[in-house]
Protein backbone atom coordinates (compact mmCIF):
# COMPACT_ATOMS: atom_id res chain seq x y z
CA UNK A 1 -3.02 -24.73 -15.04
CA UNK A 2 -0.26 -22.31 -14.16
CA UNK A 3 -0.23 -19.06 -12.29
CA UNK A 4 -0.15 -16.16 -14.75
CA UNK A 5 0.70 -13.14 -12.58
CA UNK A 6 -0.11 -11.27 -9.40
CA UNK A 7 -2.70 -8.62 -10.24
CA UNK A 8 -2.82 -6.53 -7.07
CA UNK A 9 -2.55 -6.30 -3.31
CA UNK A 10 -5.58 -5.11 -1.32
CA UNK A 11 -5.24 -2.67 1.57
CA UNK A 12 -8.39 -1.80 3.52
CA UNK A 13 -8.24 1.77 4.81
CA UNK A 14 -10.34 4.17 6.85
CA UNK A 15 -9.07 7.35 5.15
CA UNK A 16 -9.07 6.64 1.43
CA UNK A 17 -7.94 10.15 0.47
CA UNK A 18 -4.88 10.03 2.76
CA UNK A 19 -3.91 6.58 1.48
CA UNK A 20 -4.29 7.66 -2.16
CA UNK A 21 -2.21 10.79 -1.50
CA UNK A 22 0.55 8.69 0.11
CA UNK A 23 0.82 6.35 -2.89
CA UNK A 24 0.58 9.27 -5.34
CA UNK A 25 3.47 10.95 -3.47
CA UNK A 26 5.39 7.69 -3.78
CA UNK A 27 4.93 7.80 -7.56
CA UNK A 28 2.01 5.47 -8.23
CA UNK A 29 -0.76 6.59 -10.54
CA UNK A 30 -4.50 6.46 -9.88
CA UNK A 31 -5.80 3.99 -12.44
CA UNK A 32 -9.42 4.36 -11.43
CA UNK A 33 -11.92 4.61 -8.61
CA UNK A 34 -15.37 3.07 -8.22
CA UNK A 35 -17.97 2.01 -5.69
CA UNK A 36 -19.05 -1.62 -5.49
CA UNK A 37 -22.10 -3.14 -3.83
CA UNK A 38 -24.81 -5.74 -4.34
CA UNK A 39 -25.43 -9.46 -3.92
CA UNK A 40 -22.47 -10.61 -6.03
CA UNK A 41 -20.05 -8.49 -3.97
CA UNK A 42 -21.62 -9.84 -0.75
CA UNK A 43 -21.19 -13.43 -1.96
CA UNK A 44 -17.61 -12.82 -3.12
CA UNK A 45 -16.33 -11.39 0.16
CA UNK A 46 -18.61 -13.32 2.54
CA UNK A 47 -20.20 -10.24 4.14
CA UNK A 48 -23.72 -8.75 4.02
CA UNK A 49 -24.77 -5.39 2.59
CA UNK A 50 -21.31 -4.46 1.36
CA UNK A 51 -20.76 -1.00 -0.04
CA UNK A 52 -17.14 0.00 -0.63
CA UNK A 53 -15.16 2.55 -2.59
CA UNK A 54 -12.13 1.12 -4.40
CA UNK A 55 -9.16 3.06 -5.74
CA UNK A 56 -6.72 1.18 -7.97
CA UNK A 57 -3.17 2.53 -7.84
CA UNK A 58 -0.71 1.49 -10.57
CA UNK A 59 3.09 1.55 -10.66
CA UNK A 60 4.56 3.66 -13.49
CA UNK A 61 5.63 0.54 -15.41
CA UNK A 62 2.00 -0.66 -15.44
CA UNK A 63 2.77 -4.06 -13.91
CA UNK A 64 2.10 -3.59 -10.19
CA UNK A 65 -1.14 -2.49 -8.57
CA UNK A 66 -2.43 -1.73 -5.10
CA UNK A 67 -6.16 -1.73 -4.46
CA UNK A 68 -7.22 0.61 -1.67
CA UNK A 69 -10.70 -0.16 -0.27
CA UNK A 70 -12.80 2.01 2.02
CA UNK A 71 -15.73 0.00 3.42
CA UNK A 72 -18.82 2.11 4.08
CA UNK A 73 -20.93 -0.91 5.09
CA UNK A 74 -20.18 -2.94 6.99
CA UNK A 75 -17.58 -0.77 8.70
CA UNK A 76 -14.01 -1.99 8.60
CA UNK A 77 -12.68 -3.48 11.84
CA UNK A 78 -9.17 -3.19 13.22
CA UNK A 79 -7.77 -6.49 14.49
CA UNK A 80 -4.47 -5.21 15.80
CA UNK A 81 -2.58 -2.02 16.53
CA UNK A 82 -2.55 0.64 13.80
CA UNK A 83 1.25 0.81 13.92
CA UNK A 84 2.10 -2.88 14.20
CA UNK A 85 5.84 -3.62 14.32
CA UNK A 86 7.50 -5.22 11.30
CA UNK A 87 7.64 -8.60 13.06
CA UNK A 88 3.85 -8.82 13.58
CA UNK A 89 2.22 -11.77 11.83
CA UNK A 90 0.64 -11.09 8.44
CA UNK A 91 1.57 -8.97 5.47
CA UNK A 92 3.87 -6.29 6.85
CA UNK A 93 5.16 -4.34 3.89
CA UNK A 94 5.20 -3.88 0.14
CA UNK A 95 8.57 -3.22 -1.51
CA UNK A 96 9.18 -0.78 -4.35
CA UNK A 97 12.32 -0.30 -6.44
CA UNK A 98 13.33 3.37 -6.69
CA UNK A 99 16.03 5.34 -8.50
CA UNK A 100 16.85 7.78 -5.68
CA UNK A 101 15.93 6.56 -2.19
CA UNK A 102 16.91 9.85 -0.52
CA UNK A 103 14.55 11.82 -2.76
CA UNK A 104 11.63 9.43 -2.24
CA UNK A 105 12.12 9.28 1.54
CA UNK A 106 12.34 13.09 1.76
CA UNK A 107 9.19 13.50 -0.34
CA UNK A 108 7.22 11.03 1.81
CA UNK A 109 8.49 12.46 5.11
CA UNK A 110 7.45 15.95 3.97
CA UNK A 111 3.90 14.61 3.66
CA UNK A 112 3.74 13.07 7.13
CA UNK A 113 5.24 9.60 6.65
CA UNK A 114 7.92 8.37 9.05
CA UNK A 115 10.98 6.15 8.81
CA UNK A 116 10.52 2.88 10.69
CA UNK A 117 14.27 2.54 11.27
CA UNK A 118 17.06 4.07 9.18
CA UNK A 119 18.11 4.15 5.55
CA UNK A 120 20.76 1.43 5.40
CA UNK A 121 23.15 0.05 2.84
CA UNK A 122 23.16 -3.71 2.30
CA UNK A 123 26.64 -4.69 1.17
CA UNK A 124 27.46 -3.02 -2.15
CA UNK A 125 24.15 -3.89 -3.76
CA UNK A 126 21.25 -1.91 -2.25
CA UNK A 127 20.22 1.01 -0.09
CA UNK A 128 17.04 0.13 1.77
CA UNK A 129 14.43 1.88 3.94
CA UNK A 130 11.13 1.06 5.61
CA UNK A 131 8.62 3.93 5.65
CA UNK A 132 5.31 4.01 7.53
CA UNK A 133 2.47 5.95 5.92
CA UNK A 134 -1.18 6.51 6.77
CA UNK A 135 -3.16 3.67 8.35
CA UNK A 136 0.13 2.18 9.57
CA UNK A 137 0.97 1.00 6.03
CA UNK A 138 4.64 0.06 5.74
CA UNK A 139 6.44 0.22 2.42
CA UNK A 140 10.02 -0.75 1.75
CA UNK A 141 12.17 1.14 -0.72
CA UNK A 142 15.16 -0.39 -2.50
CA UNK A 143 17.71 1.54 -4.54
CA UNK A 144 20.05 -0.73 -6.46
CA UNK A 145 23.67 0.43 -6.37
CA UNK A 146 26.17 0.26 -9.16
């Protein structure tokens, strides 16, 4: 048996509309949205009486996906600060390749996101930036040079 691919990354959010808008502004597409509940969902995730709304966001090339989940029951719980620093344990960011980092950063900042640090150039190969969006979600942007 071999691993075939990574299908998606799950992000649990309180404000599903704000999270969807952030990823739409980034350039992802809404693939679909649904509500899940019932005994099979409860057994899968190890919780009782689950009811959640899921929004699947897809990268333009169709290969990468982010699943945004809003739990109605049981309520989602925060286990750390909303704006955890980039060195906090756990998954800290998702990186996206972009054509024009300045354009993407400007677009996201105009919609309320914030730069974590600065846009930097790594040698002669990349320009990079970390951007924090709603729910404390951090994304990294990489523009390949040359």
